[in-house]
Amino acid sequence: MKFKVIEGGLGQAALTDWRIEEDGRPNRDDVRREAVRRLNDSGYHPSRIREFVTGAPMPAALQYLSMQIDFAAEALSRLDPIPADFRSDGYWPAYS
């Protein structure tokens, strides 16, 4: 039996739905959406679902990556102003 996560058609919309403030600067919601996008791309959610369904633990590296992404998003959100290039890989952890 295979399990599939159904996104309801929001997958691509989330990538293009950036709400930049009137002055052209990104806001906290933009940073949070980027964090969610990176977590989705890492394979975290299917692994988490698999863990819930089968009881087999998810890889520790994915759990650690989730914590790192949350930390990076929180740190970026606290900057004033938030850098315009906040989506750059230099600000975010990489899954290896």
PDB file of N, CA and C in Angstrom:
ATOM      1  N   MET A   1       0.845  -1.171   0.000  1.00  0.00           N
ATOM      2  CA  MET A   1       0.000   0.000   0.000  1.00  0.00           C
ATOM      3  C   MET A   1       0.894   1.239   0.000  1.00  0.00           C
ATOM      4  N   LYS A   2       0.552   2.195  -0.856  1.00  0.00           N
ATOM      5  CA  LYS A   2       1.293   3.453  -0.910  1.00  0.00           C
ATOM      6  C   LYS A   2       0.421   4.577  -0.377  1.00  0.00           C
ATOM      7  N   PHE A   3       1.081   5.525   0.276  1.00  0.00           N
ATOM      8  CA  PHE A   3       0.393   6.698   0.780  1.00  0.00           C
ATOM      9  C   PHE A   3       0.859   7.909  -0.005  1.00  0.00           C
ATOM     10  N   LYS A   4      -0.061   8.803  -0.246  1.00  0.00           N
ATOM     11  CA  LYS A   4       0.285  10.010  -0.982  1.00  0.00           C
ATOM     12  C   LYS A   4      -0.345  11.210  -0.288  1.00  0.00           C
ATOM     13  N   VAL A   5       0.439  12.255  -0.139  1.00  0.00           N
ATOM     14  CA  VAL A   5      -0.069  13.482   0.450  1.00  0.00           C
ATOM     15  C   VAL A   5      -0.704  14.306  -0.656  1.00  0.00           C
ATOM     16  N   ILE A   6      -1.934  14.710  -0.456  1.00  0.00           N
ATOM     17  CA  ILE A   6      -2.642  15.515  -1.440  1.00  0.00           C
ATOM     18  C   ILE A   6      -2.588  16.961  -0.983  1.00  0.00           C
ATOM     19  N   GLU A   7      -2.019  17.824  -1.822  1.00  0.00           N
ATOM     20  CA  GLU A   7      -1.838  19.215  -1.455  1.00  0.00           C
ATOM     21  C   GLU A   7      -3.029  20.085  -1.833  1.00  0.00           C
ATOM     22  N   GLY A   8      -3.961  19.573  -2.558  1.00  0.00           N
ATOM     23  CA  GLY A   8      -5.124  20.360  -2.924  1.00  0.00           C
ATOM     24  C   GLY A   8      -4.829  21.454  -3.927  1.00  0.00           C
ATOM     25  N   GLY A   9      -3.799  21.277  -4.730  1.00  0.00           N
ATOM     26  CA  GLY A   9      -3.489  22.250  -5.752  1.00  0.00           C
ATOM     27  C   GLY A   9      -2.751  23.480  -5.259  1.00  0.00           C
ATOM     28  N   LEU A  10      -2.284  23.474  -4.030  1.00  0.00           N
ATOM     29  CA  LEU A  10      -1.619  24.644  -3.487  1.00  0.00           C
ATOM     30  C   LEU A  10      -0.106  24.593  -3.642  1.00  0.00           C
ATOM     31  N   GLY A  11       0.432  23.519  -4.162  1.00  0.00           N
ATOM     32  CA  GLY A  11       1.874  23.374  -4.275  1.00  0.00           C
ATOM     33  C   GLY A  11       2.548  24.498  -5.041  1.00  0.00           C
ATOM     34  N   GLN A  12       2.147  24.746  -6.262  1.00  0.00           N
ATOM     35  CA  GLN A  12       2.749  25.795  -7.074  1.00  0.00           C
ATOM     36  C   GLN A  12       2.304  27.180  -6.640  1.00  0.00           C
ATOM     37  N   ALA A  13       1.081  27.309  -6.157  1.00  0.00           N
ATOM     38  CA  ALA A  13       0.582  28.620  -5.732  1.00  0.00           C
ATOM     39  C   ALA A  13       1.397  29.159  -4.570  1.00  0.00           C
ATOM     40  N   ALA A  14       1.838  28.281  -3.686  1.00  0.00           N
ATOM     41  CA  ALA A  14       2.612  28.725  -2.525  1.00  0.00           C
ATOM     42  C   ALA A  14       3.941  29.335  -2.946  1.00  0.00           C
ATOM     43  N   LEU A  15       4.475  28.869  -4.062  1.00  0.00           N
ATOM     44  CA  LEU A  15       5.760  29.398  -4.519  1.00  0.00           C
ATOM     45  C   LEU A  15       5.632  30.791  -5.114  1.00  0.00           C
ATOM     46  N   THR A  16       4.476  31.103  -5.651  1.00  0.00           N
ATOM     47  CA  THR A  16       4.321  32.390  -6.325  1.00  0.00           C
ATOM     48  C   THR A  16       3.550  33.403  -5.497  1.00  0.00           C
ATOM     49  N   ASP A  17       3.043  33.013  -4.349  1.00  0.00           N
ATOM     50  CA  ASP A  17       2.210  33.886  -3.538  1.00  0.00           C
ATOM     51  C   ASP A  17       3.040  34.652  -2.503  1.00  0.00           C
ATOM     52  N   TRP A  18       4.011  35.406  -2.971  1.00  0.00           N
ATOM     53  CA  TRP A  18       4.846  36.193  -2.064  1.00  0.00           C
ATOM     54  C   TRP A  18       4.160  37.526  -1.823  1.00  0.00           C
ATOM     55  N   ARG A  19       3.989  37.865  -0.588  1.00  0.00           N
ATOM     56  CA  ARG A  19       3.354  39.139  -0.227  1.00  0.00           C
ATOM     57  C   ARG A  19       4.427  40.110   0.225  1.00  0.00           C
ATOM     58  N   ILE A  20       4.998  40.799  -0.702  1.00  0.00           N
ATOM     59  CA  ILE A  20       6.010  41.800  -0.402  1.00  0.00           C
ATOM     60  C   ILE A  20       5.301  43.067   0.073  1.00  0.00           C
ATOM     61  N   GLU A  21       5.840  43.694   1.104  1.00  0.00           N
ATOM     62  CA  GLU A  21       5.232  44.903   1.638  1.00  0.00           C
ATOM     63  C   GLU A  21       5.278  46.025   0.608  1.00  0.00           C
ATOM     64  N   GLU A  22       4.531  47.081   0.867  1.00  0.00           N
ATOM     65  CA  GLU A  22       4.420  48.192  -0.074  1.00  0.00           C
ATOM     66  C   GLU A  22       5.769  48.802  -0.434  1.00  0.00           C
ATOM     67  N   ASP A  23       6.694  48.808   0.515  1.00  0.00           N
ATOM     68  CA  ASP A  23       7.998  49.408   0.246  1.00  0.00           C
ATOM     69  C   ASP A  23       8.930  48.447  -0.508  1.00  0.00           C
ATOM     70  N   GLY A  24       8.435  47.270  -0.877  1.00  0.00           N
ATOM     71  CA  GLY A  24       9.227  46.325  -1.652  1.00  0.00           C
ATOM     72  C   GLY A  24      10.070  45.384  -0.817  1.00  0.00           C
ATOM     73  N   ARG A  25      10.003  45.502   0.490  1.00  0.00           N
ATOM     74  CA  ARG A  25      10.799  44.632   1.367  1.00  0.00           C
ATOM     75  C   ARG A  25      10.006  43.394   1.756  1.00  0.00           C
ATOM     76  N   PRO A  26      10.681  42.273   1.941  1.00  0.00           N
ATOM     77  CA  PRO A  26       9.986  41.057   2.382  1.00  0.00           C
ATOM     78  C   PRO A  26       9.554  41.187   3.842  1.00  0.00           C
ATOM     79  N   ASN A  27       8.565  40.394   4.228  1.00  0.00           N
ATOM     80  CA  ASN A  27       8.100  40.408   5.613  1.00  0.00           C
ATOM     81  C   ASN A  27       8.250  39.022   6.242  1.00  0.00           C
ATOM     82  N   ARG A  28       7.820  38.898   7.499  1.00  0.00           N
ATOM     83  CA  ARG A  28       7.960  37.634   8.241  1.00  0.00           C
ATOM     84  C   ARG A  28       7.222  36.487   7.558  1.00  0.00           C
ATOM     85  N   ASP A  29       6.074  36.772   6.969  1.00  0.00           N
ATOM     86  CA  ASP A  29       5.310  35.725   6.286  1.00  0.00           C
ATOM     87  C   ASP A  29       6.068  35.182   5.077  1.00  0.00           C
ATOM     88  N   ASP A  30       6.778  36.045   4.378  1.00  0.00           N
ATOM     89  CA  ASP A  30       7.590  35.608   3.233  1.00  0.00           C
ATOM     90  C   ASP A  30       8.671  34.631   3.696  1.00  0.00           C
ATOM     91  N   VAL A  31       9.304  34.970   4.809  1.00  0.00           N
ATOM     92  CA  VAL A  31      10.363  34.109   5.352  1.00  0.00           C
ATOM     93  C   VAL A  31       9.770  32.770   5.780  1.00  0.00           C
ATOM     94  N   ARG A  32       8.613  32.789   6.422  1.00  0.00           N
ATOM     95  CA  ARG A  32       7.977  31.543   6.868  1.00  0.00           C
ATOM     96  C   ARG A  32       7.600  30.676   5.673  1.00  0.00           C
ATOM     97  N   ARG A  33       7.085  31.284   4.606  1.00  0.00           N
ATOM     98  CA  ARG A  33       6.740  30.502   3.401  1.00  0.00           C
ATOM     99  C   ARG A  33       7.985  29.873   2.784  1.00  0.00           C
ATOM    100  N   GLU A  34       9.095  30.577   2.801  1.00  0.00           N
ATOM    101  CA  GLU A  34      10.336  30.008   2.269  1.00  0.00           C
ATOM    102  C   GLU A  34      10.788  28.831   3.124  1.00  0.00           C
ATOM    103  N   ALA A  35      10.639  28.953   4.436  1.00  0.00           N
ATOM    104  CA  ALA A  35      11.001  27.847   5.334  1.00  0.00           C
ATOM    105  C   ALA A  35      10.134  26.621   5.055  1.00  0.00           C
ATOM    106  N   VAL A  36       8.842  26.840   4.872  1.00  0.00           N
ATOM    107  CA  VAL A  36       7.924  25.737   4.573  1.00  0.00           C
ATOM    108  C   VAL A  36       8.290  25.099   3.231  1.00  0.00           C
ATOM    109  N   ARG A  37       8.608  25.916   2.245  1.00  0.00           N
ATOM    110  CA  ARG A  37       8.985  25.393   0.931  1.00  0.00           C
ATOM    111  C   ARG A  37      10.228  24.514   1.043  1.00  0.00           C
ATOM    112  N   ARG A  38      11.219  24.990   1.783  1.00  0.00           N
ATOM    113  CA  ARG A  38      12.449  24.216   1.930  1.00  0.00           C
ATOM    114  C   ARG A  38      12.209  22.919   2.689  1.00  0.00           C
ATOM    115  N   LEU A  39      11.370  22.962   3.699  1.00  0.00           N
ATOM    116  CA  LEU A  39      11.054  21.748   4.447  1.00  0.00           C
ATOM    117  C   LEU A  39      10.303  20.755   3.567  1.00  0.00           C
ATOM    118  N   ASN A  40       9.369  21.246   2.750  1.00  0.00           N
ATOM    119  CA  ASN A  40       8.646  20.366   1.821  1.00  0.00           C
ATOM    120  C   ASN A  40       9.596  19.727   0.820  1.00  0.00           C
ATOM    121  N   ASP A  41      10.536  20.505   0.291  1.00  0.00           N
ATOM    122  CA  ASP A  41      11.478  19.990  -0.701  1.00  0.00           C
ATOM    123  C   ASP A  41      12.452  18.969  -0.111  1.00  0.00           C
ATOM    124  N   SER A  42      12.638  18.999   1.200  1.00  0.00           N
ATOM    125  CA  SER A  42      13.600  18.094   1.837  1.00  0.00           C
ATOM    126  C   SER A  42      13.080  16.670   1.963  1.00  0.00           C
ATOM    127  N   GLY A  43      11.768  16.481   1.857  1.00  0.00           N
ATOM    128  CA  GLY A  43      11.193  15.156   2.053  1.00  0.00           C
ATOM    129  C   GLY A  43      10.814  14.896   3.502  1.00  0.00           C
ATOM    130  N   TYR A  44      10.808  15.932   4.298  1.00  0.00           N
ATOM    131  CA  TYR A  44      10.500  15.791   5.720  1.00  0.00           C
ATOM    132  C   TYR A  44       9.090  15.244   5.947  1.00  0.00           C
ATOM    133  N   HIS A  45       8.116  15.829   5.287  1.00  0.00           N
ATOM    134  CA  HIS A  45       6.725  15.462   5.552  1.00  0.00           C
ATOM    135  C   HIS A  45       6.401  14.007   5.178  1.00  0.00           C
ATOM    136  N   PRO A  46       6.811  13.508   4.020  1.00  0.00           N
ATOM    137  CA  PRO A  46       6.557  12.086   3.752  1.00  0.00           C
ATOM    138  C   PRO A  46       7.228  11.172   4.779  1.00  0.00           C
ATOM    139  N   SER A  47       8.407  11.563   5.220  1.00  0.00           N
ATOM    140  CA  SER A  47       9.112  10.762   6.221  1.00  0.00           C
ATOM    141  C   SER A  47       8.370  10.797   7.557  1.00  0.00           C
ATOM    142  N   ARG A  48       7.846  11.958   7.898  1.00  0.00           N
ATOM    143  CA  ARG A  48       7.089  12.113   9.149  1.00  0.00           C
ATOM    144  C   ARG A  48       5.806  11.291   9.095  1.00  0.00           C
ATOM    145  N   ILE A  49       5.135  11.294   7.958  1.00  0.00           N
ATOM    146  CA  ILE A  49       3.914  10.501   7.797  1.00  0.00           C
ATOM    147  C   ILE A  49       4.248   9.015   7.881  1.00  0.00           C
ATOM    148  N   ARG A  50       5.330   8.621   7.216  1.00  0.00           N
ATOM    149  CA  ARG A  50       5.761   7.222   7.257  1.00  0.00           C
ATOM    150  C   ARG A  50       6.032   6.801   8.704  1.00  0.00           C
ATOM    151  N   GLU A  51       6.655   7.671   9.476  1.00  0.00           N
ATOM    152  CA  GLU A  51       6.938   7.376  10.874  1.00  0.00           C
ATOM    153  C   GLU A  51       5.643   7.174  11.652  1.00  0.00           C
ATOM    154  N   PHE A  52       4.676   8.029  11.408  1.00  0.00           N
ATOM    155  CA  PHE A  52       3.389   7.937  12.091  1.00  0.00           C
ATOM    156  C   PHE A  52       2.655   6.651  11.725  1.00  0.00           C
ATOM    157  N   VAL A  53       2.670   6.293  10.442  1.00  0.00           N
ATOM    158  CA  VAL A  53       1.915   5.136   9.971  1.00  0.00           C
ATOM    159  C   VAL A  53       2.590   3.814  10.340  1.00  0.00           C
ATOM    160  N   THR A  54       3.905   3.731  10.136  1.00  0.00           N
ATOM    161  CA  THR A  54       4.598   2.456  10.338  1.00  0.00           C
ATOM    162  C   THR A  54       5.277   2.328  11.700  1.00  0.00           C
ATOM    163  N   GLY A  55       5.540   3.451  12.336  1.00  0.00           N
ATOM    164  CA  GLY A  55       6.250   3.404  13.612  1.00  0.00           C
ATOM    165  C   GLY A  55       7.757   3.404  13.466  1.00  0.00           C
ATOM    166  N   ALA A  56       8.239   3.321  12.220  1.00  0.00           N
ATOM    167  CA  ALA A  56       9.687   3.360  11.973  1.00  0.00           C
ATOM    168  C   ALA A  56      10.161   4.809  12.112  1.00  0.00           C
ATOM    169  N   PRO A  57      11.179   5.055  12.923  1.00  0.00           N
ATOM    170  CA  PRO A  57      11.612   6.440  13.136  1.00  0.00           C
ATOM    171  C   PRO A  57      12.147   7.092  11.864  1.00  0.00           C
ATOM    172  N   MET A  58      11.874   8.375  11.733  1.00  0.00           N
ATOM    173  CA  MET A  58      12.401   9.133  10.597  1.00  0.00           C
ATOM    174  C   MET A  58      13.891   9.355  10.825  1.00  0.00           C
ATOM    175  N   PRO A  59      14.644   9.569   9.751  1.00  0.00           N
ATOM    176  CA  PRO A  59      16.077   9.811   9.900  1.00  0.00           C
ATOM    177  C   PRO A  59      16.348  11.016  10.802  1.00  0.00           C
ATOM    178  N   ALA A  60      17.313  10.858  11.675  1.00  0.00           N
ATOM    179  CA  ALA A  60      17.674  11.939  12.598  1.00  0.00           C
ATOM    180  C   ALA A  60      18.116  13.179  11.831  1.00  0.00           C
ATOM    181  N   ALA A  61      18.732  12.988  10.670  1.00  0.00           N
ATOM    182  CA  ALA A  61      19.196  14.125   9.874  1.00  0.00           C
ATOM    183  C   ALA A  61      18.032  15.003   9.431  1.00  0.00           C
ATOM    184  N   LEU A  62      16.884  14.392   9.120  1.00  0.00           N
ATOM    185  CA  LEU A  62      15.712  15.180   8.728  1.00  0.00           C
ATOM    186  C   LEU A  62      15.114  15.923   9.919  1.00  0.00           C
ATOM    187  N   GLN A  63      15.116  15.295  11.085  1.00  0.00           N
ATOM    188  CA  GLN A  63      14.637  15.984  12.283  1.00  0.00           C
ATOM    189  C   GLN A  63      15.528  17.184  12.592  1.00  0.00           C
ATOM    190  N   TYR A  64      16.818  16.990  12.479  1.00  0.00           N
ATOM    191  CA  TYR A  64      17.772  18.053  12.736  1.00  0.00           C
ATOM    192  C   TYR A  64      17.619  19.175  11.712  1.00  0.00           C
ATOM    193  N   LEU A  65      17.422  18.812  10.448  1.00  0.00           N
ATOM    194  CA  LEU A  65      17.223  19.805   9.396  1.00  0.00           C
ATOM    195  C   LEU A  65      15.984  20.654   9.683  1.00  0.00           C
ATOM    196  N   SER A  66      14.912  20.037  10.135  1.00  0.00           N
ATOM    197  CA  SER A  66      13.696  20.768  10.469  1.00  0.00           C
ATOM    198  C   SER A  66      13.969  21.810  11.551  1.00  0.00           C
ATOM    199  N   MET A  67      14.712  21.429  12.568  1.00  0.00           N
ATOM    200  CA  MET A  67      15.059  22.379  13.632  1.00  0.00           C
ATOM    201  C   MET A  67      15.931  23.510  13.103  1.00  0.00           C
ATOM    202  N   GLN A  68      16.871  23.181  12.216  1.00  0.00           N
ATOM    203  CA  GLN A  68      17.749  24.205  11.645  1.00  0.00           C
ATOM    204  C   GLN A  68      16.968  25.194  10.777  1.00  0.00           C
ATOM    205  N   ILE A  69      16.038  24.689   9.984  1.00  0.00           N
ATOM    206  CA  ILE A  69      15.225  25.554   9.133  1.00  0.00           C
ATOM    207  C   ILE A  69      14.369  26.477   9.994  1.00  0.00           C
ATOM    208  N   ASP A  70      13.776  25.941  11.052  1.00  0.00           N
ATOM    209  CA  ASP A  70      12.977  26.776  11.954  1.00  0.00           C
ATOM    210  C   ASP A  70      13.838  27.862  12.593  1.00  0.00           C
ATOM    211  N   PHE A  71      15.049  27.497  13.001  1.00  0.00           N
ATOM    212  CA  PHE A  71      15.949  28.472  13.610  1.00  0.00           C
ATOM    213  C   PHE A  71      16.321  29.566  12.614  1.00  0.00           C
ATOM    214  N   ALA A  72      16.666  29.170  11.399  1.00  0.00           N
ATOM    215  CA  ALA A  72      17.052  30.147  10.374  1.00  0.00           C
ATOM    216  C   ALA A  72      15.884  31.086  10.063  1.00  0.00           C
ATOM    217  N   ALA A  73      14.675  30.531   9.970  1.00  0.00           N
ATOM    218  CA  ALA A  73      13.499  31.361   9.679  1.00  0.00           C
ATOM    219  C   ALA A  73      13.252  32.358  10.804  1.00  0.00           C
ATOM    220  N   GLU A  74      13.395  31.907  12.031  1.00  0.00           N
ATOM    221  CA  GLU A  74      13.190  32.805  13.164  1.00  0.00           C
ATOM    222  C   GLU A  74      14.248  33.907  13.192  1.00  0.00           C
ATOM    223  N   ALA A  75      15.499  33.534  12.937  1.00  0.00           N
ATOM    224  CA  ALA A  75      16.583  34.524  12.930  1.00  0.00           C
ATOM    225  C   ALA A  75      16.394  35.541  11.808  1.00  0.00           C
ATOM    226  N   LEU A  76      16.042  35.077  10.616  1.00  0.00           N
ATOM    227  CA  LEU A  76      15.802  35.997   9.495  1.00  0.00           C
ATOM    228  C   LEU A  76      14.602  36.912   9.758  1.00  0.00           C
ATOM    229  N   SER A  77      13.576  36.374  10.392  1.00  0.00           N
ATOM    230  CA  SER A  77      12.374  37.157  10.664  1.00  0.00           C
ATOM    231  C   SER A  77      12.634  38.286  11.654  1.00  0.00           C
ATOM    232  N   ARG A  78      13.631  38.121  12.490  1.00  0.00           N
ATOM    233  CA  ARG A  78      13.944  39.141  13.497  1.00  0.00           C
ATOM    234  C   ARG A  78      14.822  40.267  12.960  1.00  0.00           C
ATOM    235  N   LEU A  79      15.384  40.082  11.774  1.00  0.00           N
ATOM    236  CA  LEU A  79      16.223  41.133  11.202  1.00  0.00           C
ATOM    237  C   LEU A  79      15.366  42.313  10.767  1.00  0.00           C
ATOM    238  N   ASP A  80      15.921  43.504  10.910  1.00  0.00           N
ATOM    239  CA  ASP A  80      15.218  44.703  10.455  1.00  0.00           C
ATOM    240  C   ASP A  80      16.192  45.593   9.708  1.00  0.00           C
ATOM    241  N   PRO A  81      16.102  45.629   8.417  1.00  0.00           N
ATOM    242  CA  PRO A  81      15.129  44.984   7.545  1.00  0.00           C
ATOM    243  C   PRO A  81      15.535  43.545   7.218  1.00  0.00           C
ATOM    244  N   ILE A  82      14.562  42.772   6.815  1.00  0.00           N
ATOM    245  CA  ILE A  82      14.834  41.419   6.329  1.00  0.00           C
ATOM    246  C   ILE A  82      15.532  41.568   4.983  1.00  0.00           C
ATOM    247  N   PRO A  83      16.651  40.856   4.772  1.00  0.00           N
ATOM    248  CA  PRO A  83      17.376  40.997   3.502  1.00  0.00           C
ATOM    249  C   PRO A  83      16.495  40.643   2.301  1.00  0.00           C
ATOM    250  N   ALA A  84      16.644  41.401   1.235  1.00  0.00           N
ATOM    251  CA  ALA A  84      15.867  41.147   0.020  1.00  0.00           C
ATOM    252  C   ALA A  84      16.186  39.781  -0.577  1.00  0.00           C
ATOM    253  N   ASP A  85      17.410  39.301  -0.344  1.00  0.00           N
ATOM    254  CA  ASP A  85      17.819  38.002  -0.886  1.00  0.00           C
ATOM    255  C   ASP A  85      17.676  36.878   0.151  1.00  0.00           C
ATOM    256  N   PHE A  86      16.669  36.973   1.033  1.00  0.00           N
ATOM    257  CA  PHE A  86      16.496  35.993   2.105  1.00  0.00           C
ATOM    258  C   PHE A  86      16.284  34.572   1.587  1.00  0.00           C
ATOM    259  N   ARG A  87      15.923  34.407   0.324  1.00  0.00           N
ATOM    260  CA  ARG A  87      15.745  33.066  -0.256  1.00  0.00           C
ATOM    261  C   ARG A  87      17.067  32.425  -0.663  1.00  0.00           C
ATOM    262  N   SER A  88      18.148  33.170  -0.590  1.00  0.00           N
ATOM    263  CA  SER A  88      19.465  32.670  -0.979  1.00  0.00           C
ATOM    264  C   SER A  88      19.872  31.489  -0.095  1.00  0.00           C
ATOM    265  N   ASP A  89      20.518  30.506  -0.705  1.00  0.00           N
ATOM    266  CA  ASP A  89      20.947  29.313   0.023  1.00  0.00           C
ATOM    267  C   ASP A  89      21.916  29.627   1.159  1.00  0.00           C
ATOM    268  N   GLY A  90      22.584  30.750   1.100  1.00  0.00           N
ATOM    269  CA  GLY A  90      23.538  31.117   2.143  1.00  0.00           C
ATOM    270  C   GLY A  90      22.888  31.328   3.502  1.00  0.00           C
ATOM    271  N   TYR A  91      21.617  31.628   3.541  1.00  0.00           N
ATOM    272  CA  TYR A  91      20.921  31.868   4.798  1.00  0.00           C
ATOM    273  C   TYR A  91      20.315  30.603   5.398  1.00  0.00           C
ATOM    274  N   TRP A  92      20.230  29.555   4.607  1.00  0.00           N
ATOM    275  CA  TRP A  92      19.486  28.365   4.998  1.00  0.00           C
ATOM    276  C   TRP A  92      20.392  27.142   5.107  1.00  0.00           C
ATOM    277  N   PRO A  93      20.051  26.203   5.996  1.00  0.00           N
ATOM    278  CA  PRO A  93      20.831  24.960   6.099  1.00  0.00           C
ATOM    279  C   PRO A  93      20.578  24.071   4.886  1.00  0.00           C
ATOM    280  N   ALA A  94      21.533  23.228   4.617  1.00  0.00           N
ATOM    281  CA  ALA A  94      21.410  22.284   3.497  1.00  0.00           C
ATOM    282  C   ALA A  94      21.282  20.870   4.028  1.00  0.00           C
ATOM    283  N   TYR A  95      20.464  20.077   3.381  1.00  0.00           N
ATOM    284  CA  TYR A  95      20.308  18.674   3.752  1.00  0.00           C
ATOM    285  C   TYR A  95      21.366  17.857   3.031  1.00  0.00           C
ATOM    286  N   SER A  96      22.180  17.188   3.822  1.00  0.00           N
ATOM    287  CA  SER A  96      23.252  16.394   3.180  1.00  0.00           C
ATOM    288  C   SER A  96      23.148  14.941   3.507  1.00  0.00           C
TER     289      SER A  96
END
